[in-house]
N, C-alpha and C. Protein backbone atom coordinates (compact mmCIF):
# COMPACT_ATOMS: atom_id res chain seq x y z
N UNK A 1 220.87 -1.66 68.50
CA UNK A 1 221.86 -2.69 68.64
C UNK A 1 222.55 -2.52 69.99
N UNK A 2 222.56 -3.54 70.77
CA UNK A 2 223.25 -3.48 72.05
C UNK A 2 224.76 -3.57 71.88
N UNK A 3 225.20 -4.39 70.93
CA UNK A 3 226.63 -4.59 70.74
C UNK A 3 226.96 -4.39 69.27
N UNK A 4 227.24 -3.14 68.90
CA UNK A 4 227.54 -2.83 67.51
C UNK A 4 228.76 -3.58 67.00
N UNK A 5 229.75 -3.80 67.84
CA UNK A 5 230.97 -4.48 67.41
C UNK A 5 230.65 -5.87 66.88
N UNK A 6 229.86 -6.62 67.59
CA UNK A 6 229.48 -7.96 67.15
C UNK A 6 228.65 -7.88 65.87
N UNK A 7 227.73 -6.96 65.81
CA UNK A 7 226.90 -6.80 64.61
C UNK A 7 227.78 -6.42 63.42
N UNK A 8 228.70 -5.49 63.61
CA UNK A 8 229.60 -5.08 62.54
C UNK A 8 230.38 -6.30 62.03
N UNK A 9 230.86 -7.14 62.92
CA UNK A 9 231.61 -8.33 62.51
C UNK A 9 230.74 -9.26 61.67
N UNK A 10 229.47 -9.38 62.05
CA UNK A 10 228.55 -10.21 61.27
C UNK A 10 228.34 -9.61 59.88
N UNK A 11 228.22 -8.28 59.81
CA UNK A 11 228.08 -7.59 58.53
C UNK A 11 229.31 -7.86 57.66
N UNK A 12 230.48 -7.71 58.25
CA UNK A 12 231.73 -7.89 57.49
C UNK A 12 231.86 -9.31 56.95
N UNK A 13 231.41 -10.27 57.73
CA UNK A 13 231.46 -11.67 57.29
C UNK A 13 230.64 -11.85 56.01
N UNK A 14 229.47 -11.22 55.95
CA UNK A 14 228.61 -11.31 54.76
C UNK A 14 229.23 -10.53 53.60
N UNK A 15 229.68 -9.32 53.87
CA UNK A 15 230.23 -8.47 52.80
C UNK A 15 231.44 -9.12 52.15
N UNK A 16 232.24 -9.82 52.90
CA UNK A 16 233.41 -10.51 52.33
C UNK A 16 233.00 -11.57 51.30
N UNK A 17 231.76 -12.02 51.35
CA UNK A 17 231.28 -13.06 50.44
C UNK A 17 230.71 -12.52 49.13
N UNK A 18 230.53 -11.20 49.03
CA UNK A 18 229.99 -10.63 47.79
C UNK A 18 231.03 -10.81 46.68
N UNK A 19 230.66 -11.49 45.62
CA UNK A 19 231.63 -11.75 44.55
C UNK A 19 232.02 -10.47 43.80
N UNK A 20 233.19 -10.49 43.25
CA UNK A 20 233.65 -9.40 42.40
C UNK A 20 232.66 -9.21 41.25
N UNK A 21 232.35 -7.97 40.92
CA UNK A 21 231.42 -7.69 39.84
C UNK A 21 229.96 -7.74 40.24
N UNK A 22 229.70 -7.99 41.51
CA UNK A 22 228.33 -8.04 42.03
C UNK A 22 228.23 -7.01 43.16
N UNK A 23 227.01 -6.62 43.51
CA UNK A 23 226.78 -5.70 44.62
C UNK A 23 225.62 -6.18 45.47
N UNK A 24 225.60 -5.73 46.70
CA UNK A 24 224.47 -5.98 47.58
C UNK A 24 224.04 -4.64 48.15
N UNK A 25 222.98 -4.66 48.94
CA UNK A 25 222.49 -3.41 49.53
C UNK A 25 222.52 -3.50 51.05
N UNK A 26 222.48 -2.34 51.66
CA UNK A 26 222.44 -2.27 53.12
C UNK A 26 221.24 -3.05 53.64
N UNK A 27 220.11 -2.87 53.00
CA UNK A 27 218.87 -3.53 53.43
C UNK A 27 218.89 -5.04 53.27
N UNK A 28 219.43 -5.53 52.16
CA UNK A 28 219.50 -6.98 51.95
C UNK A 28 220.41 -7.64 52.98
N UNK A 29 221.50 -6.98 53.30
CA UNK A 29 222.41 -7.52 54.31
C UNK A 29 221.74 -7.51 55.68
N UNK A 30 221.08 -6.42 56.02
CA UNK A 30 220.38 -6.33 57.30
C UNK A 30 219.31 -7.42 57.41
N UNK A 31 218.53 -7.61 56.35
CA UNK A 31 217.48 -8.63 56.36
C UNK A 31 218.08 -10.02 56.54
N UNK A 32 219.18 -10.30 55.83
CA UNK A 32 219.83 -11.60 55.96
C UNK A 32 220.28 -11.86 57.39
N UNK A 33 220.73 -10.81 58.07
CA UNK A 33 221.20 -10.94 59.45
C UNK A 33 220.06 -10.98 60.47
N UNK A 34 218.82 -10.94 59.97
CA UNK A 34 217.66 -11.04 60.86
C UNK A 34 217.24 -9.73 61.48
N UNK A 35 217.77 -8.62 60.96
CA UNK A 35 217.43 -7.29 61.48
C UNK A 35 217.06 -6.37 60.32
N UNK A 36 215.91 -6.63 59.68
CA UNK A 36 215.56 -5.92 58.45
C UNK A 36 215.46 -4.40 58.59
N UNK A 37 215.30 -3.89 59.79
CA UNK A 37 215.21 -2.44 59.96
C UNK A 37 216.55 -1.81 60.32
N UNK A 38 217.62 -2.56 60.13
CA UNK A 38 218.96 -2.09 60.52
C UNK A 38 219.84 -1.71 59.33
N UNK A 39 219.25 -1.35 58.21
CA UNK A 39 220.05 -0.99 57.04
C UNK A 39 221.00 0.16 57.36
N UNK A 40 220.56 1.10 58.14
CA UNK A 40 221.41 2.24 58.50
C UNK A 40 222.63 1.77 59.32
N UNK A 41 222.42 0.80 60.18
CA UNK A 41 223.54 0.28 60.99
C UNK A 41 224.53 -0.46 60.08
N UNK A 42 224.02 -1.14 59.06
CA UNK A 42 224.91 -1.77 58.08
C UNK A 42 225.76 -0.68 57.41
N UNK A 43 225.14 0.45 57.11
CA UNK A 43 225.87 1.58 56.55
C UNK A 43 226.95 2.08 57.49
N UNK A 44 226.64 2.16 58.76
CA UNK A 44 227.65 2.56 59.75
C UNK A 44 228.81 1.56 59.77
N UNK A 45 228.48 0.29 59.66
CA UNK A 45 229.52 -0.74 59.62
C UNK A 45 230.41 -0.55 58.39
N UNK A 46 229.80 -0.24 57.26
CA UNK A 46 230.59 -0.01 56.04
C UNK A 46 231.49 1.21 56.21
N UNK A 47 230.97 2.26 56.81
CA UNK A 47 231.78 3.47 57.04
C UNK A 47 232.97 3.15 57.94
N UNK A 48 232.76 2.30 58.92
CA UNK A 48 233.83 1.94 59.87
C UNK A 48 234.80 0.92 59.29
N UNK A 49 234.45 0.33 58.17
CA UNK A 49 235.26 -0.77 57.63
C UNK A 49 236.48 -0.31 56.84
N UNK A 50 236.60 0.95 56.58
CA UNK A 50 237.67 1.42 55.70
C UNK A 50 239.07 1.24 56.28
N UNK A 51 239.16 0.95 57.55
CA UNK A 51 240.46 0.67 58.17
C UNK A 51 240.79 -0.82 58.12
N UNK A 52 239.83 -1.62 57.65
CA UNK A 52 240.02 -3.07 57.55
C UNK A 52 240.21 -3.38 56.06
N UNK A 53 241.33 -3.93 55.70
CA UNK A 53 241.70 -4.02 54.29
C UNK A 53 240.98 -5.11 53.49
N UNK A 54 240.37 -6.07 54.13
CA UNK A 54 239.75 -7.15 53.34
C UNK A 54 238.23 -7.05 53.27
N UNK A 55 237.68 -5.88 53.53
CA UNK A 55 236.23 -5.67 53.44
C UNK A 55 235.94 -4.94 52.12
N UNK A 56 235.26 -5.58 51.16
CA UNK A 56 234.96 -4.90 49.90
C UNK A 56 233.73 -3.99 50.03
N UNK A 57 233.87 -2.94 50.83
CA UNK A 57 232.76 -2.03 51.12
C UNK A 57 232.21 -1.38 49.85
N UNK A 58 233.02 -1.28 48.82
CA UNK A 58 232.56 -0.67 47.57
C UNK A 58 231.44 -1.47 46.92
N UNK A 59 231.24 -2.71 47.32
CA UNK A 59 230.21 -3.57 46.75
C UNK A 59 228.86 -3.45 47.46
N UNK A 60 228.76 -2.52 48.40
CA UNK A 60 227.49 -2.32 49.12
C UNK A 60 226.95 -0.94 48.75
N UNK A 61 225.74 -0.93 48.20
CA UNK A 61 225.11 0.29 47.70
C UNK A 61 223.70 0.41 48.28
N UNK A 62 223.01 1.47 47.91
CA UNK A 62 221.65 1.60 48.44
C UNK A 62 220.66 0.77 47.61
N UNK A 63 219.41 0.80 47.98
CA UNK A 63 218.41 -0.11 47.42
C UNK A 63 218.10 0.09 45.94
N UNK A 64 218.52 1.22 45.37
CA UNK A 64 218.28 1.43 43.93
C UNK A 64 219.59 1.39 43.13
N UNK A 65 220.70 1.06 43.80
CA UNK A 65 221.97 0.96 43.10
C UNK A 65 222.77 2.25 43.06
N UNK A 66 222.43 3.18 43.92
CA UNK A 66 223.13 4.46 44.00
C UNK A 66 224.35 4.32 44.91
N UNK A 67 225.45 4.91 44.52
CA UNK A 67 226.69 4.85 45.31
C UNK A 67 226.65 5.85 46.45
N UNK A 68 225.77 5.63 47.40
CA UNK A 68 225.59 6.58 48.50
C UNK A 68 226.76 6.62 49.46
N UNK A 69 227.56 5.57 49.52
CA UNK A 69 228.68 5.54 50.45
C UNK A 69 229.98 6.07 49.87
N UNK A 70 229.93 6.63 48.67
CA UNK A 70 231.15 7.02 47.97
C UNK A 70 231.96 8.08 48.71
N UNK A 71 231.32 8.89 49.53
CA UNK A 71 232.01 9.96 50.24
C UNK A 71 232.91 9.44 51.35
N UNK A 72 232.75 8.19 51.71
CA UNK A 72 233.54 7.60 52.79
C UNK A 72 234.81 6.92 52.28
N UNK A 73 235.02 6.95 50.97
CA UNK A 73 236.23 6.38 50.38
C UNK A 73 237.23 7.50 50.15
N UNK A 74 238.50 7.17 50.32
CA UNK A 74 239.52 8.18 50.02
C UNK A 74 239.53 8.39 48.51
N UNK A 75 239.66 9.61 48.11
CA UNK A 75 239.59 9.92 46.68
C UNK A 75 238.16 10.15 46.26
N UNK A 76 237.97 11.05 45.34
CA UNK A 76 236.64 11.46 44.92
C UNK A 76 235.82 10.35 44.28
N UNK A 77 236.47 9.53 43.47
CA UNK A 77 235.74 8.51 42.70
C UNK A 77 236.20 7.09 42.98
N UNK A 78 236.82 6.84 44.13
CA UNK A 78 237.39 5.53 44.38
C UNK A 78 236.35 4.41 44.37
N UNK A 79 235.21 4.61 44.98
CA UNK A 79 234.17 3.57 45.00
C UNK A 79 233.75 3.23 43.57
N UNK A 80 233.50 4.25 42.78
CA UNK A 80 233.12 4.06 41.38
C UNK A 80 234.22 3.34 40.61
N UNK A 81 235.46 3.77 40.80
CA UNK A 81 236.58 3.17 40.09
C UNK A 81 236.76 1.69 40.46
N UNK A 82 236.60 1.37 41.73
CA UNK A 82 236.72 -0.03 42.16
C UNK A 82 235.63 -0.89 41.52
N UNK A 83 234.40 -0.39 41.51
CA UNK A 83 233.31 -1.15 40.89
C UNK A 83 233.52 -1.30 39.38
N UNK A 84 233.92 -0.22 38.74
CA UNK A 84 234.14 -0.28 37.30
C UNK A 84 235.28 -1.24 36.95
N UNK A 85 236.28 -1.32 37.81
CA UNK A 85 237.39 -2.25 37.56
C UNK A 85 236.91 -3.71 37.63
N UNK A 86 235.74 -3.92 38.24
CA UNK A 86 235.15 -5.26 38.33
C UNK A 86 234.09 -5.48 37.26
N UNK A 87 233.93 -4.51 36.35
CA UNK A 87 232.99 -4.66 35.25
C UNK A 87 231.62 -4.06 35.50
N UNK A 88 231.43 -3.38 36.61
CA UNK A 88 230.13 -2.76 36.91
C UNK A 88 230.03 -1.44 36.14
N UNK A 89 228.90 -1.24 35.47
CA UNK A 89 228.69 -0.03 34.67
C UNK A 89 227.93 0.99 35.52
N UNK A 90 228.49 2.20 35.60
CA UNK A 90 227.93 3.25 36.45
C UNK A 90 227.79 4.53 35.64
N UNK A 91 226.63 5.15 35.75
CA UNK A 91 226.39 6.45 35.13
C UNK A 91 225.74 7.35 36.17
N UNK A 92 226.33 8.50 36.38
CA UNK A 92 225.83 9.47 37.36
C UNK A 92 225.67 8.84 38.74
N UNK A 93 226.67 8.07 39.16
CA UNK A 93 226.71 7.40 40.47
C UNK A 93 225.62 6.36 40.66
N UNK A 94 225.03 5.88 39.58
CA UNK A 94 223.98 4.87 39.63
C UNK A 94 224.41 3.67 38.79
N UNK A 95 224.28 2.47 39.35
CA UNK A 95 224.63 1.25 38.62
C UNK A 95 223.57 1.01 37.56
N UNK A 96 223.99 0.92 36.31
CA UNK A 96 223.03 0.83 35.21
C UNK A 96 222.39 -0.55 35.09
N UNK A 97 223.14 -1.59 35.39
CA UNK A 97 222.61 -2.95 35.27
C UNK A 97 222.37 -3.56 36.65
N UNK A 98 221.88 -2.75 37.55
CA UNK A 98 221.71 -3.12 38.95
C UNK A 98 220.96 -4.42 39.15
N UNK A 99 219.83 -4.59 38.50
CA UNK A 99 219.01 -5.81 38.68
C UNK A 99 219.74 -7.07 38.23
N UNK A 100 220.69 -6.92 37.33
CA UNK A 100 221.43 -8.09 36.82
C UNK A 100 222.60 -8.50 37.71
N UNK A 101 223.08 -7.58 38.55
CA UNK A 101 224.27 -7.90 39.34
C UNK A 101 224.01 -7.90 40.85
N UNK A 102 222.77 -7.70 41.24
CA UNK A 102 222.44 -7.67 42.68
C UNK A 102 222.73 -9.04 43.29
N UNK A 103 223.32 -9.01 44.46
CA UNK A 103 223.66 -10.23 45.20
C UNK A 103 222.88 -10.21 46.51
N UNK A 104 221.92 -11.09 46.63
CA UNK A 104 221.06 -11.17 47.81
C UNK A 104 221.55 -12.34 48.68
N UNK A 105 222.15 -12.05 49.83
CA UNK A 105 222.68 -13.15 50.65
C UNK A 105 221.61 -14.14 51.09
N UNK A 106 220.37 -13.70 51.20
CA UNK A 106 219.29 -14.61 51.59
C UNK A 106 219.06 -15.69 50.55
N UNK A 107 219.35 -15.37 49.30
CA UNK A 107 219.20 -16.33 48.20
C UNK A 107 220.52 -17.05 47.94
N UNK A 108 221.58 -16.29 47.86
CA UNK A 108 222.88 -16.83 47.47
C UNK A 108 223.51 -17.75 48.52
N UNK A 109 223.20 -17.52 49.80
CA UNK A 109 223.83 -18.28 50.86
C UNK A 109 222.95 -19.38 51.44
N UNK A 110 221.82 -19.64 50.79
CA UNK A 110 220.96 -20.73 51.27
C UNK A 110 220.67 -21.73 50.19
């Protein structure tokens, strides 16, 4: 990425659209933005988003529904607690009903 700031802003615009009780993945967001090999950069954007209060970063997980970004939230279980408060069921840091709540911006926004 030549300009991470602009890319991060594009990521944040998509993440703000993820509905409560739903989750998306780093890869799905990257693909929607036209950069399917940039899932890791989406992760960097999520890590950097914690200073921005209106980014629901807790709704972005890895491709199998694992809460891989949980270490970047203040508090040991904050990511899990935020998702559970929206009705998401999690066991051992894995979303149990992942296929039912996945939000794919390529489908949902077109």
